[in-house]
Every structure is written in C-alpha cells, then in structure tokens.
C-alpha cells in the first residue's frame, strides 16, 4: 500500500496491460510517469490484497498466472476490503504458507487464485490476468551435480519437475 500511495503522491500511475501493449506494439504515448505493475504466478494475495490497494490509489496492473494452479470455483473468496469492513476475518491461508506434507516435512502450500477470482479481476478492470505458463516447471541447466535430492524443507514454491517424486535424483543447477 505504501508503494501505491507514494506513486500516486508523486504523480505516477500504474498503467493497464492494454496501455503497455499499445505503447510497445503501436507506439501509443504513455504519460511520462507511468509504470506497469506486475505480479507473478497468480497467488491469492494478488486478488485479496493487491487488487483493492491498486484500485484505492487509481492504479492498474497485471497478474501473470500459472494456470495449472488455478482451481475451478463458483465464488471468489474475500478481499482486503471485506476484512477491513469487518465482514470476514483475514484470509488465514495466506499467512501460513508452510504446512506439513504427507510425510510431515514442512512444505510450501501457497494459495493461488481460482477461476472466479480471475473473472472478478477481469470484470473489475484493475488487475488484468495473462498467462505465465501452464506448470512453472524447473528447467535444468546441466548434468553436473554435487549430491542427490533428499527429503527436506521445500525452498521454493515451484520446486516442480516433470517427475512426481524428485528425491534421489541428482541435484542440477536449475532455472525456475
């Protein structure tokens, strides 16, 4: 919120994806103090927190979603505005992303937007949604490896390969 407020106070505006595309593709002018505000991967906090804050300060932005992480849902969940109005408690699942997996090991369980929230963002016109990728899998860079993957704390939210269980595989330098 502080970033959005500071941008507004200094005459900056978060532009829409359509405005940015028109600038880059067609050469349409943008105000001098313009920024494209982007959110990566499609986490629920983009809908619940970022969208209401962007709207409050007159900004727009874009969320690039990993589509395999979006669940089908008939209703969107609550937003920051609902919580501030006292209609609902804050979304607890956003504040506890580390949960035990089936073996009891701490694992990131980040929560992503669902299809109803994506539709609500589209209709609201504040936060556009575009594709990031389908799975956000890791891409290995080489065949060198110092050791084998062992069960441990998952360090990244997208510790995903083309394999279901990576334990015992060589650890490669990876891009994600």
N, C-alpha and C. Protein backbone atom coordinates (compact mmCIF):
# COMPACT_ATOMS: atom_id res chain seq x y z
N UNK A 1 0.83 -1.19 0.00
CA UNK A 1 0.00 0.00 0.00
C UNK A 1 0.87 1.25 0.00
N UNK A 2 1.96 1.21 0.78
CA UNK A 2 2.83 2.37 0.83
C UNK A 2 3.42 2.70 -0.55
N UNK A 3 3.77 1.68 -1.31
CA UNK A 3 4.32 1.92 -2.65
C UNK A 3 3.27 2.58 -3.55
N UNK A 4 2.04 2.06 -3.52
CA UNK A 4 0.97 2.63 -4.36
C UNK A 4 0.65 4.06 -3.94
N UNK A 5 0.62 4.31 -2.65
CA UNK A 5 0.33 5.66 -2.16
C UNK A 5 1.46 6.62 -2.58
N UNK A 6 2.71 6.20 -2.43
CA UNK A 6 3.84 7.05 -2.79
C UNK A 6 3.84 7.34 -4.30
N UNK A 7 3.55 6.32 -5.10
CA UNK A 7 3.46 6.55 -6.55
C UNK A 7 2.41 7.61 -6.86
N UNK A 8 1.24 7.47 -6.26
CA UNK A 8 0.15 8.42 -6.51
C UNK A 8 0.54 9.83 -6.07
N UNK A 9 1.14 9.94 -4.89
CA UNK A 9 1.53 11.25 -4.36
C UNK A 9 2.54 11.97 -5.24
N UNK A 10 3.36 11.20 -5.98
CA UNK A 10 4.38 11.79 -6.83
C UNK A 10 3.99 11.80 -8.30
N UNK A 11 2.70 11.59 -8.58
CA UNK A 11 2.21 11.72 -9.95
C UNK A 11 2.39 10.51 -10.84
N UNK A 12 2.77 9.38 -10.27
CA UNK A 12 2.94 8.17 -11.06
C UNK A 12 1.62 7.42 -11.13
N UNK A 13 1.46 6.65 -12.23
CA UNK A 13 0.25 5.85 -12.39
C UNK A 13 0.62 4.48 -12.91
N UNK A 14 0.07 3.47 -12.26
CA UNK A 14 0.20 2.10 -12.75
C UNK A 14 -0.74 1.93 -13.93
N UNK A 15 -0.19 1.61 -15.09
CA UNK A 15 -0.98 1.51 -16.31
C UNK A 15 -1.49 0.09 -16.52
N UNK A 16 -2.46 -0.05 -17.39
CA UNK A 16 -3.02 -1.36 -17.69
C UNK A 16 -2.11 -2.11 -18.66
N UNK A 17 -2.32 -3.41 -18.75
CA UNK A 17 -1.59 -4.22 -19.71
C UNK A 17 -1.91 -3.76 -21.13
N UNK A 18 -3.17 -3.41 -21.38
CA UNK A 18 -3.57 -2.94 -22.71
C UNK A 18 -2.83 -1.65 -23.08
N UNK A 19 -2.68 -0.74 -22.12
CA UNK A 19 -1.95 0.50 -22.39
C UNK A 19 -0.48 0.21 -22.68
N UNK A 20 0.11 -0.69 -21.92
CA UNK A 20 1.52 -1.05 -22.14
C UNK A 20 1.71 -1.71 -23.49
N UNK A 21 0.80 -2.60 -23.86
CA UNK A 21 0.88 -3.25 -25.18
C UNK A 21 0.75 -2.22 -26.30
N UNK A 22 -0.19 -1.29 -26.14
CA UNK A 22 -0.37 -0.24 -27.16
C UNK A 22 0.89 0.61 -27.31
N UNK A 23 1.58 0.85 -26.20
CA UNK A 23 2.82 1.62 -26.24
C UNK A 23 3.92 0.84 -26.96
N UNK A 24 4.13 -0.41 -26.55
CA UNK A 24 5.23 -1.20 -27.12
C UNK A 24 4.96 -1.67 -28.54
N UNK A 25 3.71 -1.99 -28.86
CA UNK A 25 3.40 -2.53 -30.18
C UNK A 25 3.06 -1.45 -31.19
N UNK A 26 2.24 -0.49 -30.77
CA UNK A 26 1.74 0.52 -31.71
C UNK A 26 2.35 1.90 -31.53
N UNK A 27 3.19 2.07 -30.51
CA UNK A 27 3.81 3.37 -30.28
C UNK A 27 2.89 4.41 -29.68
N UNK A 28 1.76 3.97 -29.10
CA UNK A 28 0.84 4.90 -28.44
C UNK A 28 1.56 5.56 -27.26
N UNK A 29 1.37 6.85 -27.05
CA UNK A 29 2.06 7.51 -25.94
C UNK A 29 1.50 7.11 -24.58
N UNK A 30 2.38 7.14 -23.60
CA UNK A 30 2.03 6.95 -22.20
C UNK A 30 2.45 8.20 -21.44
N UNK A 31 1.78 8.52 -20.35
CA UNK A 31 2.28 9.62 -19.52
C UNK A 31 3.72 9.34 -19.08
N UNK A 32 4.49 10.40 -18.88
CA UNK A 32 5.90 10.25 -18.52
C UNK A 32 6.06 9.42 -17.24
N UNK A 33 5.22 9.63 -16.28
CA UNK A 33 5.33 8.90 -15.01
C UNK A 33 4.37 7.70 -15.00
N UNK A 34 4.71 6.73 -15.85
CA UNK A 34 3.91 5.51 -15.96
C UNK A 34 4.74 4.30 -15.56
N UNK A 35 4.07 3.31 -15.00
CA UNK A 35 4.73 2.06 -14.63
C UNK A 35 3.75 0.92 -14.86
N UNK A 36 4.28 -0.21 -15.34
CA UNK A 36 3.46 -1.41 -15.45
C UNK A 36 3.73 -2.22 -14.18
N UNK A 37 2.73 -2.36 -13.35
CA UNK A 37 2.85 -3.10 -12.10
C UNK A 37 2.46 -4.55 -12.37
N UNK A 38 3.40 -5.46 -12.13
CA UNK A 38 3.16 -6.87 -12.45
C UNK A 38 3.26 -7.75 -11.21
N UNK A 39 2.49 -8.82 -11.24
CA UNK A 39 2.50 -9.82 -10.18
C UNK A 39 2.71 -11.17 -10.84
N UNK A 40 3.61 -11.96 -10.29
CA UNK A 40 4.00 -13.21 -10.92
C UNK A 40 3.32 -14.40 -10.26
N UNK A 41 2.88 -15.35 -11.03
CA UNK A 41 2.44 -16.68 -10.64
C UNK A 41 0.97 -16.83 -10.29
N UNK A 42 0.27 -15.79 -9.88
CA UNK A 42 -1.16 -15.91 -9.62
C UNK A 42 -1.55 -16.25 -8.20
N UNK A 43 -0.77 -15.82 -7.23
CA UNK A 43 -1.09 -16.08 -5.83
C UNK A 43 -2.39 -15.37 -5.42
N UNK A 44 -3.09 -15.95 -4.46
CA UNK A 44 -4.36 -15.39 -3.99
C UNK A 44 -4.19 -13.99 -3.43
N UNK A 45 -3.05 -13.67 -2.84
CA UNK A 45 -2.89 -12.33 -2.28
C UNK A 45 -2.96 -11.24 -3.36
N UNK A 46 -2.74 -11.60 -4.62
CA UNK A 46 -2.91 -10.63 -5.71
C UNK A 46 -4.35 -10.16 -5.78
N UNK A 47 -5.29 -11.09 -5.66
CA UNK A 47 -6.72 -10.76 -5.68
C UNK A 47 -7.16 -10.15 -4.35
N UNK A 48 -6.78 -10.80 -3.25
CA UNK A 48 -7.27 -10.41 -1.94
C UNK A 48 -6.70 -9.08 -1.45
N UNK A 49 -5.43 -8.81 -1.72
CA UNK A 49 -4.79 -7.62 -1.19
C UNK A 49 -4.38 -6.60 -2.26
N UNK A 50 -3.69 -7.07 -3.30
CA UNK A 50 -3.15 -6.13 -4.29
C UNK A 50 -4.25 -5.42 -5.08
N UNK A 51 -5.25 -6.15 -5.56
CA UNK A 51 -6.29 -5.54 -6.36
C UNK A 51 -7.00 -4.40 -5.62
N UNK A 52 -7.45 -4.60 -4.38
CA UNK A 52 -8.11 -3.48 -3.68
C UNK A 52 -7.18 -2.28 -3.45
N UNK A 53 -5.90 -2.53 -3.19
CA UNK A 53 -4.96 -1.42 -2.97
C UNK A 53 -4.71 -0.67 -4.27
N UNK A 54 -4.52 -1.39 -5.37
CA UNK A 54 -4.35 -0.73 -6.66
C UNK A 54 -5.55 0.16 -6.96
N UNK A 55 -6.73 -0.38 -6.74
CA UNK A 55 -7.96 0.37 -7.02
C UNK A 55 -8.05 1.62 -6.15
N UNK A 56 -7.70 1.48 -4.88
CA UNK A 56 -7.78 2.60 -3.94
C UNK A 56 -6.94 3.79 -4.41
N UNK A 57 -5.79 3.51 -5.05
CA UNK A 57 -4.89 4.58 -5.45
C UNK A 57 -4.92 4.87 -6.94
N UNK A 58 -5.90 4.33 -7.66
CA UNK A 58 -6.07 4.64 -9.07
C UNK A 58 -5.08 3.98 -10.00
N UNK A 59 -4.49 2.88 -9.58
CA UNK A 59 -3.52 2.17 -10.41
C UNK A 59 -4.17 0.96 -11.07
N UNK A 60 -3.51 0.48 -12.10
CA UNK A 60 -3.87 -0.78 -12.72
C UNK A 60 -2.62 -1.62 -12.79
N UNK A 61 -2.78 -2.91 -13.09
CA UNK A 61 -1.64 -3.80 -13.19
C UNK A 61 -2.03 -5.08 -13.89
N UNK A 62 -1.13 -6.05 -13.82
CA UNK A 62 -1.38 -7.35 -14.45
C UNK A 62 -0.80 -8.46 -13.59
N UNK A 63 -1.54 -9.55 -13.51
CA UNK A 63 -1.08 -10.76 -12.82
C UNK A 63 -0.83 -11.82 -13.88
N UNK A 64 0.38 -12.38 -13.90
CA UNK A 64 0.72 -13.47 -14.82
C UNK A 64 0.55 -14.78 -14.07
N UNK A 65 -0.49 -15.55 -14.44
CA UNK A 65 -0.88 -16.73 -13.67
C UNK A 65 -0.30 -18.02 -14.23
N UNK A 66 0.07 -18.91 -13.31
CA UNK A 66 0.42 -20.29 -13.65
C UNK A 66 -0.91 -21.04 -13.67
N UNK A 67 -1.37 -21.39 -14.85
CA UNK A 67 -2.75 -21.84 -15.00
C UNK A 67 -3.04 -23.19 -14.33
N UNK A 68 -2.06 -24.05 -14.17
CA UNK A 68 -2.32 -25.34 -13.51
C UNK A 68 -2.61 -25.18 -12.03
N UNK A 69 -2.29 -24.03 -11.46
CA UNK A 69 -2.53 -23.78 -10.04
C UNK A 69 -3.90 -23.18 -9.75
N UNK A 70 -4.65 -22.82 -10.80
CA UNK A 70 -5.96 -22.20 -10.61
C UNK A 70 -7.04 -23.29 -10.50
N UNK A 71 -7.75 -23.29 -9.39
CA UNK A 71 -8.85 -24.23 -9.20
C UNK A 71 -10.14 -23.63 -9.76
N UNK A 72 -11.05 -24.49 -10.19
CA UNK A 72 -12.38 -24.02 -10.59
C UNK A 72 -13.15 -23.70 -9.33
N UNK A 73 -13.87 -22.60 -9.33
CA UNK A 73 -14.68 -22.22 -8.17
C UNK A 73 -15.87 -21.41 -8.65
N UNK A 74 -16.98 -21.58 -7.96
CA UNK A 74 -18.19 -20.84 -8.35
C UNK A 74 -18.23 -19.44 -7.74
N UNK A 75 -17.49 -19.22 -6.66
CA UNK A 75 -17.50 -17.91 -5.97
C UNK A 75 -16.07 -17.48 -5.64
N UNK A 76 -15.79 -16.18 -5.76
CA UNK A 76 -14.48 -15.70 -5.31
C UNK A 76 -14.42 -15.67 -3.78
N UNK A 77 -13.21 -15.74 -3.26
CA UNK A 77 -13.02 -15.61 -1.82
C UNK A 77 -13.05 -14.13 -1.46
N UNK A 78 -12.83 -13.83 -0.21
CA UNK A 78 -12.93 -12.46 0.27
C UNK A 78 -11.67 -11.66 -0.03
N UNK A 79 -11.81 -10.33 0.01
CA UNK A 79 -10.68 -9.44 -0.24
C UNK A 79 -10.35 -8.64 1.02
N UNK A 80 -9.31 -7.86 0.92
CA UNK A 80 -8.90 -6.96 2.00
C UNK A 80 -10.04 -6.02 2.37
N UNK A 81 -10.76 -5.53 1.38
CA UNK A 81 -11.88 -4.61 1.65
C UNK A 81 -12.95 -5.28 2.51
N UNK A 82 -13.23 -6.56 2.25
CA UNK A 82 -14.20 -7.30 3.06
C UNK A 82 -13.71 -7.40 4.50
N UNK A 83 -12.42 -7.68 4.68
CA UNK A 83 -11.86 -7.81 6.02
C UNK A 83 -11.86 -6.48 6.75
N UNK A 84 -11.49 -5.39 6.05
CA UNK A 84 -11.46 -4.07 6.69
C UNK A 84 -12.86 -3.59 7.07
N UNK A 85 -13.85 -4.02 6.31
CA UNK A 85 -15.24 -3.65 6.61
C UNK A 85 -15.81 -4.49 7.75
N UNK A 86 -15.03 -5.47 8.22
CA UNK A 86 -15.48 -6.32 9.31
C UNK A 86 -16.42 -7.42 8.88
N UNK A 87 -16.54 -7.62 7.57
CA UNK A 87 -17.44 -8.66 7.07
C UNK A 87 -16.87 -10.07 7.21
N UNK A 88 -15.56 -10.19 7.18
CA UNK A 88 -14.90 -11.50 7.27
C UNK A 88 -13.56 -11.34 7.96
N UNK A 89 -13.03 -12.40 8.52
CA UNK A 89 -11.66 -12.32 9.08
C UNK A 89 -10.65 -12.34 7.94
N UNK A 90 -9.42 -11.90 8.18
CA UNK A 90 -8.37 -12.00 7.15
C UNK A 90 -8.20 -13.45 6.71
N UNK A 91 -7.74 -13.65 5.50
CA UNK A 91 -7.58 -15.00 4.96
C UNK A 91 -6.39 -15.69 5.60
N UNK A 92 -6.66 -16.59 6.53
CA UNK A 92 -5.60 -17.26 7.28
C UNK A 92 -4.67 -18.05 6.38
N UNK A 93 -5.19 -18.64 5.30
CA UNK A 93 -4.34 -19.47 4.44
C UNK A 93 -3.24 -18.67 3.75
N UNK A 94 -3.40 -17.35 3.67
CA UNK A 94 -2.37 -16.52 3.08
C UNK A 94 -1.20 -16.28 4.02
N UNK A 95 -1.42 -16.45 5.30
CA UNK A 95 -0.41 -16.10 6.29
C UNK A 95 0.33 -17.31 6.85
N UNK A 96 0.00 -18.51 6.40
CA UNK A 96 0.67 -19.72 6.87
C UNK A 96 1.01 -20.61 5.68
N UNK A 97 1.94 -20.17 4.80
CA UNK A 97 2.22 -20.94 3.59
C UNK A 97 3.03 -22.21 3.83
N UNK A 98 3.63 -22.38 5.00
CA UNK A 98 4.41 -23.58 5.28
C UNK A 98 3.55 -24.56 6.08
N UNK A 99 3.26 -25.71 5.47
CA UNK A 99 2.44 -26.74 6.10
C UNK A 99 3.13 -28.09 5.95
N UNK A 100 2.88 -29.05 6.85
CA UNK A 100 3.50 -30.36 6.70
C UNK A 100 2.89 -31.13 5.52
N UNK A 101 3.76 -31.86 4.78
CA UNK A 101 3.26 -32.70 3.70
C UNK A 101 2.86 -34.06 4.26
N UNK A 102 2.59 -35.02 3.39
CA UNK A 102 2.11 -36.34 3.84
C UNK A 102 3.13 -37.07 4.71
N UNK A 103 4.41 -36.70 4.63
CA UNK A 103 5.44 -37.32 5.47
C UNK A 103 5.78 -36.46 6.68
N UNK A 104 5.09 -35.35 6.84
CA UNK A 104 5.35 -34.47 7.98
C UNK A 104 6.45 -33.45 7.75
N UNK A 105 7.01 -33.39 6.54
CA UNK A 105 8.05 -32.41 6.24
C UNK A 105 7.43 -31.06 5.91
N UNK A 106 8.03 -29.97 6.38
CA UNK A 106 7.48 -28.65 6.07
C UNK A 106 7.55 -28.37 4.58
N UNK A 107 6.44 -27.97 4.00
CA UNK A 107 6.34 -27.75 2.57
C UNK A 107 5.55 -26.48 2.31
N UNK A 108 5.97 -25.75 1.29
CA UNK A 108 5.23 -24.54 0.91
C UNK A 108 3.89 -24.95 0.31
N UNK A 109 2.83 -24.35 0.79
CA UNK A 109 1.48 -24.63 0.29
C UNK A 109 0.81 -23.32 -0.12
N UNK A 110 1.51 -22.57 -0.94
CA UNK A 110 0.99 -21.28 -1.38
C UNK A 110 -0.39 -21.43 -2.00
N UNK A 111 -1.24 -20.44 -1.75
CA UNK A 111 -2.61 -20.45 -2.23
C UNK A 111 -2.70 -19.57 -3.47
N UNK A 112 -3.36 -20.08 -4.50
CA UNK A 112 -3.46 -19.38 -5.77
C UNK A 112 -4.89 -18.94 -6.04
N UNK A 113 -5.04 -17.97 -6.93
CA UNK A 113 -6.36 -17.50 -7.34
C UNK A 113 -7.13 -18.63 -8.01
N UNK A 114 -8.44 -18.58 -7.86
CA UNK A 114 -9.29 -19.55 -8.57
C UNK A 114 -9.94 -18.86 -9.77
N UNK A 115 -10.69 -19.63 -10.55
CA UNK A 115 -11.28 -19.09 -11.77
C UNK A 115 -12.28 -17.97 -11.51
N UNK A 116 -13.02 -18.04 -10.41
CA UNK A 116 -13.97 -16.97 -10.09
C UNK A 116 -13.26 -15.66 -9.76
N UNK A 117 -12.14 -15.76 -9.09
CA UNK A 117 -11.37 -14.55 -8.75
C UNK A 117 -10.76 -13.94 -10.02
N UNK A 118 -10.29 -14.79 -10.92
CA UNK A 118 -9.76 -14.29 -12.19
C UNK A 118 -10.86 -13.58 -12.97
N UNK A 119 -12.05 -14.15 -12.99
CA UNK A 119 -13.18 -13.49 -13.67
C UNK A 119 -13.52 -12.16 -13.01
N UNK A 120 -13.49 -12.13 -11.68
CA UNK A 120 -13.77 -10.88 -10.95
C UNK A 120 -12.72 -9.82 -11.26
N UNK A 121 -11.45 -10.22 -11.34
CA UNK A 121 -10.39 -9.27 -11.68
C UNK A 121 -10.60 -8.73 -13.09
N UNK A 122 -10.95 -9.62 -14.00
CA UNK A 122 -11.18 -9.20 -15.39
C UNK A 122 -12.33 -8.19 -15.46
N UNK A 123 -13.43 -8.48 -14.79
CA UNK A 123 -14.59 -7.59 -14.79
C UNK A 123 -14.29 -6.26 -14.11
N UNK A 124 -13.46 -6.29 -13.06
CA UNK A 124 -13.14 -5.08 -12.31
C UNK A 124 -12.27 -4.11 -13.07
N UNK A 125 -11.47 -4.60 -14.02
CA UNK A 125 -10.64 -3.73 -14.84
C UNK A 125 -9.41 -3.15 -14.17
N UNK A 126 -9.12 -3.57 -12.95
CA UNK A 126 -7.97 -3.03 -12.23
C UNK A 126 -6.74 -3.92 -12.42
N UNK A 127 -6.93 -5.21 -12.32
CA UNK A 127 -5.82 -6.16 -12.40
C UNK A 127 -6.13 -7.16 -13.52
N UNK A 128 -5.47 -6.98 -14.66
CA UNK A 128 -5.65 -7.90 -15.78
C UNK A 128 -4.95 -9.22 -15.45
N UNK A 129 -5.35 -10.27 -16.14
CA UNK A 129 -4.74 -11.58 -15.95
C UNK A 129 -4.22 -12.07 -17.29
N UNK A 130 -2.97 -12.49 -17.31
CA UNK A 130 -2.35 -13.04 -18.51
C UNK A 130 -1.64 -14.33 -18.14
N UNK A 131 -1.30 -15.11 -19.14
CA UNK A 131 -0.66 -16.40 -18.89
C UNK A 131 0.82 -16.27 -18.57
N UNK A 132 1.25 -17.00 -17.56
CA UNK A 132 2.66 -17.11 -17.20
C UNK A 132 3.21 -18.38 -17.82
N UNK A 133 2.59 -19.49 -17.47
CA UNK A 133 2.94 -20.81 -18.01
C UNK A 133 1.86 -21.77 -17.53
N UNK A 134 1.93 -23.00 -17.98
CA UNK A 134 0.95 -24.00 -17.52
C UNK A 134 1.38 -24.58 -16.18
N UNK A 135 2.66 -25.01 -16.06
CA UNK A 135 3.10 -25.72 -14.86
C UNK A 135 4.21 -25.03 -14.07
N UNK A 136 4.97 -24.12 -14.67
CA UNK A 136 6.09 -23.45 -14.00
C UNK A 136 7.12 -24.47 -13.53
N UNK A 137 7.46 -25.40 -14.39
CA UNK A 137 8.44 -26.44 -14.03
C UNK A 137 9.85 -25.88 -14.07
N UNK A 138 10.71 -26.50 -13.28
CA UNK A 138 12.12 -26.13 -13.28
C UNK A 138 12.76 -26.61 -14.57
N UNK A 139 13.73 -25.86 -15.05
CA UNK A 139 14.48 -26.24 -16.25
C UNK A 139 15.92 -26.45 -15.81
N UNK A 140 16.44 -27.64 -16.06
CA UNK A 140 17.80 -27.95 -15.64
C UNK A 140 18.81 -27.43 -16.65
N UNK A 141 19.92 -26.91 -16.14
CA UNK A 141 20.93 -26.30 -16.98
C UNK A 141 22.06 -27.23 -17.39
N UNK A 142 22.33 -28.26 -16.61
CA UNK A 142 23.48 -29.08 -16.93
C UNK A 142 23.43 -30.41 -16.24
N UNK A 143 24.41 -31.23 -16.51
CA UNK A 143 24.44 -32.57 -15.94
C UNK A 143 25.32 -32.67 -14.70
N UNK A 144 25.96 -31.59 -14.31
CA UNK A 144 26.80 -31.62 -13.11
C UNK A 144 25.91 -31.65 -11.88
N UNK A 145 26.35 -32.40 -10.87
CA UNK A 145 25.59 -32.40 -9.63
C UNK A 145 26.51 -32.69 -8.45
N UNK A 146 26.30 -31.98 -7.34
CA UNK A 146 27.14 -32.20 -6.16
C UNK A 146 26.62 -33.31 -5.25
N UNK A 147 25.33 -33.60 -5.25
CA UNK A 147 24.75 -34.61 -4.37
C UNK A 147 23.36 -34.96 -4.88
N UNK A 148 22.64 -35.77 -4.12
CA UNK A 148 21.30 -36.17 -4.51
C UNK A 148 20.25 -35.42 -3.71
N UNK A 149 19.08 -35.26 -4.28
CA UNK A 149 17.98 -34.57 -3.62
C UNK A 149 17.49 -35.44 -2.47
N UNK A 150 17.39 -34.84 -1.29
CA UNK A 150 16.94 -35.54 -0.10
C UNK A 150 15.68 -34.89 0.44
N UNK A 151 14.84 -35.63 1.15
CA UNK A 151 13.65 -35.01 1.76
C UNK A 151 14.06 -33.88 2.70
N UNK A 152 13.50 -32.72 2.49
CA UNK A 152 13.84 -31.55 3.30
C UNK A 152 12.82 -30.46 3.05
N UNK A 153 13.02 -29.35 3.73
CA UNK A 153 12.15 -28.18 3.54
C UNK A 153 12.18 -27.76 2.08
N UNK A 154 11.04 -27.59 1.50
CA UNK A 154 10.95 -27.13 0.12
C UNK A 154 11.26 -25.64 0.10
N UNK A 155 12.33 -25.25 -0.55
CA UNK A 155 12.79 -23.87 -0.51
C UNK A 155 12.11 -22.92 -1.46
N UNK A 156 11.45 -23.44 -2.48
CA UNK A 156 10.82 -22.58 -3.47
C UNK A 156 9.38 -23.03 -3.66
N UNK A 157 8.48 -22.11 -4.00
CA UNK A 157 7.09 -22.52 -4.22
C UNK A 157 6.91 -23.36 -5.46
N UNK A 158 7.82 -23.26 -6.43
CA UNK A 158 7.70 -24.04 -7.65
C UNK A 158 8.85 -25.01 -7.78
N UNK A 159 8.98 -25.89 -6.81
CA UNK A 159 10.00 -26.91 -6.84
C UNK A 159 9.41 -28.09 -7.60
N UNK A 160 9.16 -27.87 -8.87
CA UNK A 160 8.43 -28.84 -9.68
C UNK A 160 9.27 -29.25 -10.88
N UNK A 161 9.32 -30.53 -11.12
CA UNK A 161 9.98 -31.05 -12.31
C UNK A 161 8.95 -31.88 -13.07
N UNK A 162 9.39 -32.54 -14.11
CA UNK A 162 8.49 -33.41 -14.87
C UNK A 162 8.25 -34.73 -14.12
N UNK A 163 8.87 -34.91 -12.97
CA UNK A 163 8.76 -36.14 -12.20
C UNK A 163 7.95 -35.90 -10.94
N UNK A 164 7.19 -36.90 -10.52
CA UNK A 164 6.38 -36.75 -9.33
C UNK A 164 7.18 -36.66 -8.05
N UNK A 165 8.20 -37.49 -7.89
CA UNK A 165 9.00 -37.52 -6.67
C UNK A 165 10.45 -37.34 -7.06
N UNK A 166 11.04 -36.21 -6.71
CA UNK A 166 12.41 -35.92 -7.15
C UNK A 166 13.47 -36.43 -6.17
N UNK A 167 13.05 -36.99 -5.03
CA UNK A 167 14.04 -37.48 -4.07
C UNK A 167 14.89 -38.57 -4.72
N UNK A 168 16.17 -38.49 -4.51
CA UNK A 168 17.08 -39.47 -5.07
C UNK A 168 17.63 -39.09 -6.44
N UNK A 169 17.05 -38.07 -7.08
CA UNK A 169 17.58 -37.59 -8.35
C UNK A 169 18.81 -36.73 -8.07
N UNK A 170 19.72 -36.64 -9.02
CA UNK A 170 20.83 -35.71 -8.85
C UNK A 170 20.32 -34.27 -8.77
N UNK A 171 20.99 -33.43 -8.00
CA UNK A 171 20.60 -32.02 -7.96
C UNK A 171 21.39 -31.31 -9.06
N UNK A 172 20.68 -30.65 -9.94
CA UNK A 172 21.27 -29.89 -11.01
C UNK A 172 21.07 -28.42 -10.75
N UNK A 173 21.91 -27.60 -11.32
CA UNK A 173 21.66 -26.17 -11.32
C UNK A 173 20.39 -25.97 -12.14
N UNK A 174 19.42 -25.23 -11.60
CA UNK A 174 18.14 -25.11 -12.29
C UNK A 174 17.70 -23.66 -12.43
N UNK A 175 16.93 -23.42 -13.45
CA UNK A 175 16.24 -22.15 -13.63
C UNK A 175 14.79 -22.43 -13.29
N UNK A 176 14.12 -21.49 -12.66
CA UNK A 176 12.69 -21.68 -12.42
C UNK A 176 11.95 -20.42 -12.73
